Amino acid sequence: MPKVLICICTYKRNNSLLECVKSIQKLNLINKCEVSILIIDNTVNNNSQKILKQIKKTKLNIYHLNEKKRGIVYARNKCLISAKEFNPKYLAFIDDDIRLDKNWLQNNLLIMNKFKADIVTGPQNYLKVKQNENLINYNELFEKKYNKKIKKVKWAATNNVFIRYKSIKLIPNLKFDKNLNKFGIGEDQLFFSTLSNLGLKILWSKKVKVFEKIHSHRNTSDWVKNRSFRLGILGHYIDTKLHGKILGYFLNYLKCFFYLFIFFLTIINPLAKVYKIKLLNLFFRFYGRLLGPSLFKKIGFYK
């Protein structure tokens, strides 16, 4: 049976972590693979240990480690280090607040082998809870949508990614960039874009889906403004790492003024549906890119 290691980095989300593990247990083909779950707790006091007894009632192999260095980059790098000991055929990353579609494993294996992919990713769909049925999902401002059922893409997000481990295990010094640690975003874009530049084939499939509840704290204009601004700031760093300093800076400012152009185009277009929140996203993407080179090293953890 093929060995599959599913990595979950967690931080003070015990209830959603429990639901996430339960969704893994319900996967189709779960008995056709040797599935192990690696939980990396990023709290100082190893917070998720409180629910280990409930989690270990499952028949899955569950391993639990603590990473005291604050930040998602350190937690994910611990997953990469630990994966060397497990030496799985497939390595997956998912978030601690998602639930897997029951066909997630089956579809990943099918697509990876049929299309000879190195990495498979897919959409994160959102579940509305009854008390928040009228919430608009602002997360969708930051996610790419594709019309095709399967598409080759340049990078994947670690909320839903499945990797052929032999494709990456011999790459020297492979790790998530600690310079993006305080941002809490963007480290997966740089990581998988780097793999794409090395020639690895990344496929996005509509069938490889996960589900997440809409978080009410993310449905505010302040959250959109902060996320857009931070994405703009880190954008220049990713461009310079992928394309070199000169071309990276050129691409950064090209994208910077592209966001400004779309911002004004949206305002003056009488046929456009102008939403304040979309304008906030565009403007602060522009502003973050504009100031990124000077503010990048000064950014702190998002509160």
Protein backbone atom coordinates (compact mmCIF):
# COMPACT_ATOMS: atom_id res chain seq x y z
CA MET A 1 0.00 0.00 0.00
CA PRO A 2 1.32 3.49 -0.84
CA LYS A 3 2.40 5.55 2.17
CA VAL A 4 0.68 8.92 2.50
CA LEU A 5 1.77 11.52 5.07
CA ILE A 6 -0.77 14.31 5.70
CA CYS A 7 0.75 17.29 7.52
CA ILE A 8 -1.40 19.67 9.57
CA CYS A 9 0.11 22.72 11.25
CA THR A 10 -2.12 24.02 14.03
CA TYR A 11 -2.36 27.00 16.36
CA LYS A 12 -5.11 27.20 18.99
CA ARG A 13 -7.81 25.59 16.84
CA ASN A 14 -8.56 22.39 18.72
CA ASN A 15 -12.20 22.04 17.70
CA SER A 16 -11.59 22.58 13.99
CA LEU A 17 -8.50 20.34 14.15
CA LEU A 18 -10.65 17.54 15.52
CA GLU A 19 -13.19 17.97 12.69
CA CYS A 20 -10.35 18.03 10.17
CA VAL A 21 -8.97 14.69 11.41
CA LYS A 22 -12.47 13.17 11.36
CA SER A 23 -12.81 14.15 7.70
CA ILE A 24 -9.55 12.32 6.94
CA GLN A 25 -10.92 9.21 8.60
CA LYS A 26 -13.94 9.27 6.27
CA LEU A 27 -11.92 9.42 3.05
CA ASN A 28 -12.65 6.93 0.29
CA LEU A 29 -9.68 4.60 -0.33
CA ILE A 30 -8.42 5.27 3.20
CA ASN A 31 -8.01 1.50 3.66
CA LYS A 32 -6.09 1.17 0.40
CA CYS A 33 -3.24 3.39 1.60
CA GLU A 34 -1.01 3.55 4.65
CA VAL A 35 -2.11 6.98 5.85
CA SER A 36 -0.30 8.82 8.63
CA ILE A 37 -1.19 12.23 10.05
CA LEU A 38 1.53 14.53 11.34
CA ILE A 39 0.27 17.35 13.57
CA ILE A 40 2.69 20.20 14.28
CA ASP A 41 1.49 22.37 17.15
CA ASN A 42 2.90 25.91 16.97
CA THR A 43 1.88 26.99 20.48
CA VAL A 44 4.42 27.35 23.28
CA ASN A 45 2.38 25.14 25.62
CA ASN A 46 1.57 22.44 23.03
CA ASN A 47 -2.11 23.39 23.19
CA SER A 48 -3.54 20.70 20.89
CA GLN A 49 -2.24 17.94 23.15
CA LYS A 50 -5.48 18.38 25.10
CA ILE A 51 -7.50 16.68 22.38
CA LEU A 52 -5.03 13.93 21.48
CA LYS A 53 -7.06 11.32 23.33
CA GLN A 54 -10.10 12.09 21.18
CA ILE A 55 -8.05 12.15 17.98
CA LYS A 56 -6.28 8.88 18.71
CA LYS A 57 -9.58 7.04 18.85
CA THR A 58 -9.26 6.82 15.08
CA LYS A 59 -7.53 3.90 13.36
CA LEU A 60 -5.07 6.19 11.63
CA ASN A 61 -1.41 6.59 12.54
CA ILE A 62 -1.26 9.98 14.24
CA TYR A 63 1.94 11.70 15.28
CA HIS A 64 2.12 14.91 17.28
CA LEU A 65 5.09 17.28 17.51
CA ASN A 66 5.58 20.74 18.97
CA GLU A 67 7.32 23.66 17.27
CA LYS A 68 7.86 26.45 19.78
CA LYS A 69 9.36 28.93 17.32
CA ARG A 70 6.50 31.20 16.42
CA GLY A 71 5.24 31.22 12.84
CA ILE A 72 3.81 29.00 10.15
CA VAL A 73 7.13 28.81 8.29
CA TYR A 74 8.86 27.08 11.21
CA ALA A 75 5.94 24.68 11.62
CA ARG A 76 5.89 23.73 7.94
CA ASN A 77 9.65 23.33 7.81
CA LYS A 78 9.35 20.89 10.71
CA CYS A 79 6.96 18.91 8.52
CA LEU A 80 9.57 18.78 5.76
CA ILE A 81 12.27 17.63 8.18
CA SER A 82 9.99 14.97 9.66
CA ALA A 83 8.95 13.74 6.21
CA LYS A 84 12.50 12.51 5.64
CA GLU A 85 12.02 10.01 8.47
CA PHE A 86 8.62 8.84 7.20
CA ASN A 87 9.79 8.69 3.56
CA PRO A 88 6.22 8.51 2.19
CA LYS A 89 5.27 8.03 -1.42
CA TYR A 90 2.99 11.06 -1.14
CA LEU A 91 3.21 14.11 1.11
CA ALA A 92 0.23 16.42 1.69
CA PHE A 93 -0.30 19.74 3.45
CA ILE A 94 -3.73 20.87 4.64
CA ASP A 95 -4.90 23.54 7.09
CA ASP A 96 -6.26 22.80 10.55
CA ASP A 97 -9.62 24.48 9.84
CA ILE A 98 -10.61 22.58 6.70
CA ARG A 99 -12.56 19.43 5.99
CA LEU A 100 -11.63 17.13 3.17
CA ASP A 101 -14.08 16.04 0.50
CA LYS A 102 -14.62 12.29 0.84
CA ASN A 103 -13.09 11.72 -2.63
CA TRP A 104 -10.04 13.94 -1.95
CA LEU A 105 -7.51 11.11 -1.64
CA GLN A 106 -9.00 9.11 -4.50
CA ASN A 107 -8.99 12.08 -6.89
CA ASN A 108 -5.47 13.15 -5.93
CA LEU A 109 -4.10 9.68 -6.68
CA LEU A 110 -6.06 9.43 -9.94
CA ILE A 111 -4.95 12.81 -11.29
CA MET A 112 -1.35 12.47 -10.14
CA ASN A 113 -0.89 9.12 -11.86
CA LYS A 114 -3.03 9.75 -14.96
CA PHE A 115 -1.36 13.06 -15.83
CA LYS A 116 2.11 12.32 -14.38
CA ALA A 117 1.95 15.32 -12.07
CA ASP A 118 4.47 16.07 -9.34
CA ILE A 119 2.02 18.19 -7.34
CA VAL A 120 -1.78 18.36 -7.29
CA THR A 121 -3.88 21.11 -5.75
CA GLY A 122 -7.50 22.25 -5.86
CA PRO A 123 -10.12 24.71 -4.62
CA GLN A 124 -11.09 25.58 -1.10
CA ASN A 125 -14.88 25.87 -0.97
CA TYR A 126 -16.65 27.71 1.81
CA LEU A 127 -19.42 26.57 4.11
CA LYS A 128 -21.86 29.08 5.55
CA VAL A 129 -23.02 28.41 9.07
CA LYS A 130 -26.67 29.09 9.95
CA GLN A 131 -25.99 32.06 12.23
CA ASN A 132 -23.89 33.72 9.49
CA GLU A 133 -25.78 32.81 6.32
CA ASN A 134 -25.71 36.37 4.99
CA LEU A 135 -21.95 36.80 5.25
CA ILE A 136 -20.17 37.77 2.05
CA ASN A 137 -17.06 35.68 1.59
CA TYR A 138 -14.17 38.15 1.35
CA ASN A 139 -11.65 35.30 1.10
CA GLU A 140 -12.63 34.91 -2.54
CA LEU A 141 -10.92 38.23 -3.31
CA PHE A 142 -7.60 36.48 -2.80
CA GLU A 143 -8.22 33.20 -4.61
CA LYS A 144 -7.85 32.40 -8.27
CA LYS A 145 -10.77 30.74 -10.03
CA TYR A 146 -10.46 28.53 -13.08
CA ASN A 147 -13.12 27.47 -15.58
CA LYS A 148 -11.28 24.32 -16.61
CA LYS A 149 -11.62 21.05 -14.72
CA ILE A 150 -7.85 20.57 -14.78
CA LYS A 151 -5.24 23.26 -15.33
CA LYS A 152 -1.47 23.51 -15.09
CA VAL A 153 -0.57 26.22 -12.59
CA LYS A 154 2.62 27.84 -11.28
CA TRP A 155 2.05 27.36 -7.57
CA ALA A 156 -0.19 25.80 -4.94
CA ALA A 157 -1.46 26.80 -1.51
CA THR A 158 -0.70 24.67 1.53
CA ASN A 159 -4.37 24.53 2.54
CA ASN A 160 -4.81 21.79 -0.08
CA VAL A 161 -1.78 20.26 -1.77
CA PHE A 162 -0.65 16.70 -2.57
CA ILE A 163 2.98 16.02 -3.52
CA ARG A 164 4.82 13.10 -5.08
CA TYR A 165 7.52 12.96 -2.44
CA LYS A 166 10.32 11.55 -4.60
CA SER A 167 9.99 14.66 -6.80
CA ILE A 168 11.17 16.92 -3.97
CA LYS A 169 13.13 14.83 -1.46
CA LEU A 170 16.50 15.17 -3.18
CA ILE A 171 16.24 18.93 -3.78
CA PRO A 172 18.95 20.52 -1.58
CA ASN A 173 18.02 23.09 1.08
CA LEU A 174 14.32 22.82 0.29
CA LYS A 175 12.34 24.78 2.86
CA PHE A 176 9.78 27.51 3.33
CA ASP A 177 11.41 30.95 3.45
CA LYS A 178 11.71 32.24 7.03
CA ASN A 179 11.79 35.83 5.75
CA LEU A 180 8.05 35.46 5.09
CA ASN A 181 7.33 34.04 8.54
CA LYS A 182 5.81 37.17 10.08
CA PHE A 183 3.44 37.65 7.17
CA GLY A 184 1.58 34.38 7.72
CA ILE A 185 0.93 34.28 3.96
CA GLY A 186 2.96 34.05 0.78
CA GLU A 187 5.47 31.43 1.94
CA ASP A 188 3.62 28.69 0.05
CA GLN A 189 3.48 30.79 -3.13
CA LEU A 190 7.27 31.23 -3.10
CA PHE A 191 7.90 27.58 -2.15
CA PHE A 192 5.80 26.05 -4.93
CA SER A 193 6.73 28.71 -7.51
CA THR A 194 10.35 27.75 -6.91
CA LEU A 195 9.49 24.09 -7.51
CA SER A 196 7.64 25.07 -10.68
CA ASN A 197 10.73 26.96 -11.90
CA LEU A 198 12.75 23.79 -11.28
CA GLY A 199 10.47 21.97 -13.73
CA LEU A 200 7.97 20.25 -11.43
CA LYS A 201 4.50 19.85 -12.89
CA ILE A 202 1.73 21.37 -10.75
CA LEU A 203 -1.90 20.64 -11.65
CA TRP A 204 -5.04 22.26 -10.25
CA SER A 205 -8.15 20.08 -10.30
CA LYS A 206 -11.72 21.08 -9.60
CA LYS A 207 -12.31 17.64 -8.08
CA VAL A 208 -9.59 17.93 -5.43
CA LYS A 209 -11.57 20.08 -3.03
CA VAL A 210 -11.60 20.96 0.64
CA PHE A 211 -14.14 22.89 2.69
CA GLU A 212 -13.80 25.66 5.26
CA LYS A 213 -16.31 27.61 7.31
CA ILE A 214 -16.42 31.33 6.66
CA HIS A 215 -14.67 33.06 9.56
CA SER A 216 -16.62 36.13 10.64
CA HIS A 217 -13.46 38.00 11.72
CA ARG A 218 -12.23 37.80 8.13
CA ASN A 219 -15.33 39.49 6.78
CA THR A 220 -14.42 43.04 7.69
CA SER A 221 -12.94 45.86 5.64
CA ASP A 222 -10.01 46.08 8.08
CA TRP A 223 -9.12 42.43 7.47
CA VAL A 224 -9.22 42.91 3.69
CA LYS A 225 -7.16 46.09 3.93
CA ASN A 226 -4.48 44.48 6.09
CA ARG A 227 -4.27 41.30 4.04
CA SER A 228 -4.10 43.20 0.74
CA PHE A 229 -1.42 45.54 2.08
CA ARG A 230 0.72 42.68 3.42
CA LEU A 231 0.34 40.72 0.16
CA GLY A 232 1.50 43.82 -1.71
CA ILE A 233 4.53 44.26 0.56
CA LEU A 234 5.67 40.64 0.29
CA GLY A 235 4.99 40.58 -3.47
CA HIS A 236 8.19 42.39 -4.32
CA TYR A 237 10.24 39.92 -2.26
CA ILE A 238 8.73 36.92 -4.04
CA ASP A 239 9.37 38.51 -7.44
CA THR A 240 13.04 39.20 -6.63
CA LYS A 241 13.58 35.67 -5.28
CA LEU A 242 12.06 34.09 -8.39
CA HIS A 243 13.42 36.43 -11.08
CA GLY A 244 16.48 38.17 -9.62
CA LYS A 245 16.75 41.66 -8.20
CA ILE A 246 16.58 43.78 -11.36
CA LEU A 247 13.75 41.93 -13.11
CA GLY A 248 12.03 41.38 -9.76
CA TYR A 249 11.87 45.10 -9.00
CA PHE A 250 10.65 45.81 -12.53
CA LEU A 251 7.86 43.22 -12.20
CA ASN A 252 6.94 44.54 -8.76
CA TYR A 253 6.34 48.09 -9.98
CA LEU A 254 4.65 46.84 -13.15
CA LYS A 255 2.16 44.92 -11.01
CA CYS A 256 1.94 47.87 -8.64
CA PHE A 257 0.63 50.22 -11.29
CA PHE A 258 -1.48 47.49 -12.85
CA TYR A 259 -3.45 47.36 -9.57
CA LEU A 260 -3.77 51.16 -9.65
CA PHE A 261 -4.97 51.06 -13.27
CA ILE A 262 -7.63 48.44 -12.48
CA PHE A 263 -8.63 50.48 -9.41
CA PHE A 264 -9.41 53.58 -11.50
CA LEU A 265 -10.90 51.53 -14.32
CA THR A 266 -13.34 50.00 -11.87
CA ILE A 267 -14.35 53.41 -10.56
CA ILE A 268 -14.99 55.02 -13.94
CA ASN A 269 -16.63 52.04 -15.63
CA PRO A 270 -20.41 52.63 -15.46
CA LEU A 271 -21.08 48.96 -16.18
CA ALA A 272 -18.84 47.65 -13.42
CA LYS A 273 -20.25 46.45 -10.15
CA VAL A 274 -18.32 48.69 -7.78
CA TYR A 275 -17.94 47.26 -4.33
CA LYS A 276 -16.06 49.19 -1.67
CA ILE A 277 -14.32 46.00 -0.58
CA LYS A 278 -12.96 45.29 -4.07
CA LEU A 279 -11.63 48.82 -4.34
CA LEU A 280 -9.96 48.45 -0.93
CA ASN A 281 -8.28 45.26 -2.12
CA LEU A 282 -6.99 46.86 -5.33
CA PHE A 283 -5.76 50.06 -3.70
CA PHE A 284 -3.90 48.37 -0.84
CA ARG A 285 -2.35 45.82 -3.20
CA PHE A 286 -1.01 48.83 -5.14
CA TYR A 287 0.09 50.66 -1.97
CA GLY A 288 1.77 47.58 -0.51
CA ARG A 289 3.71 46.95 -3.73
CA LEU A 290 4.71 50.61 -3.87
CA LEU A 291 6.14 50.62 -0.34
CA GLY A 292 7.19 46.96 -0.24
CA PRO A 293 10.95 47.42 -0.75
CA SER A 294 11.17 49.85 2.17
CA LEU A 295 8.66 48.19 4.55
CA PHE A 296 9.41 44.50 4.01
CA LYS A 297 11.89 44.10 6.89
CA LYS A 298 9.81 46.25 9.24
CA ILE A 299 6.65 44.17 9.10
CA GLY A 300 5.49 42.46 12.30
CA PHE A 301 3.25 39.51 13.08
CA TYR A 302 -0.37 40.19 12.14
CA LYS A 303 -2.49 40.65 15.27
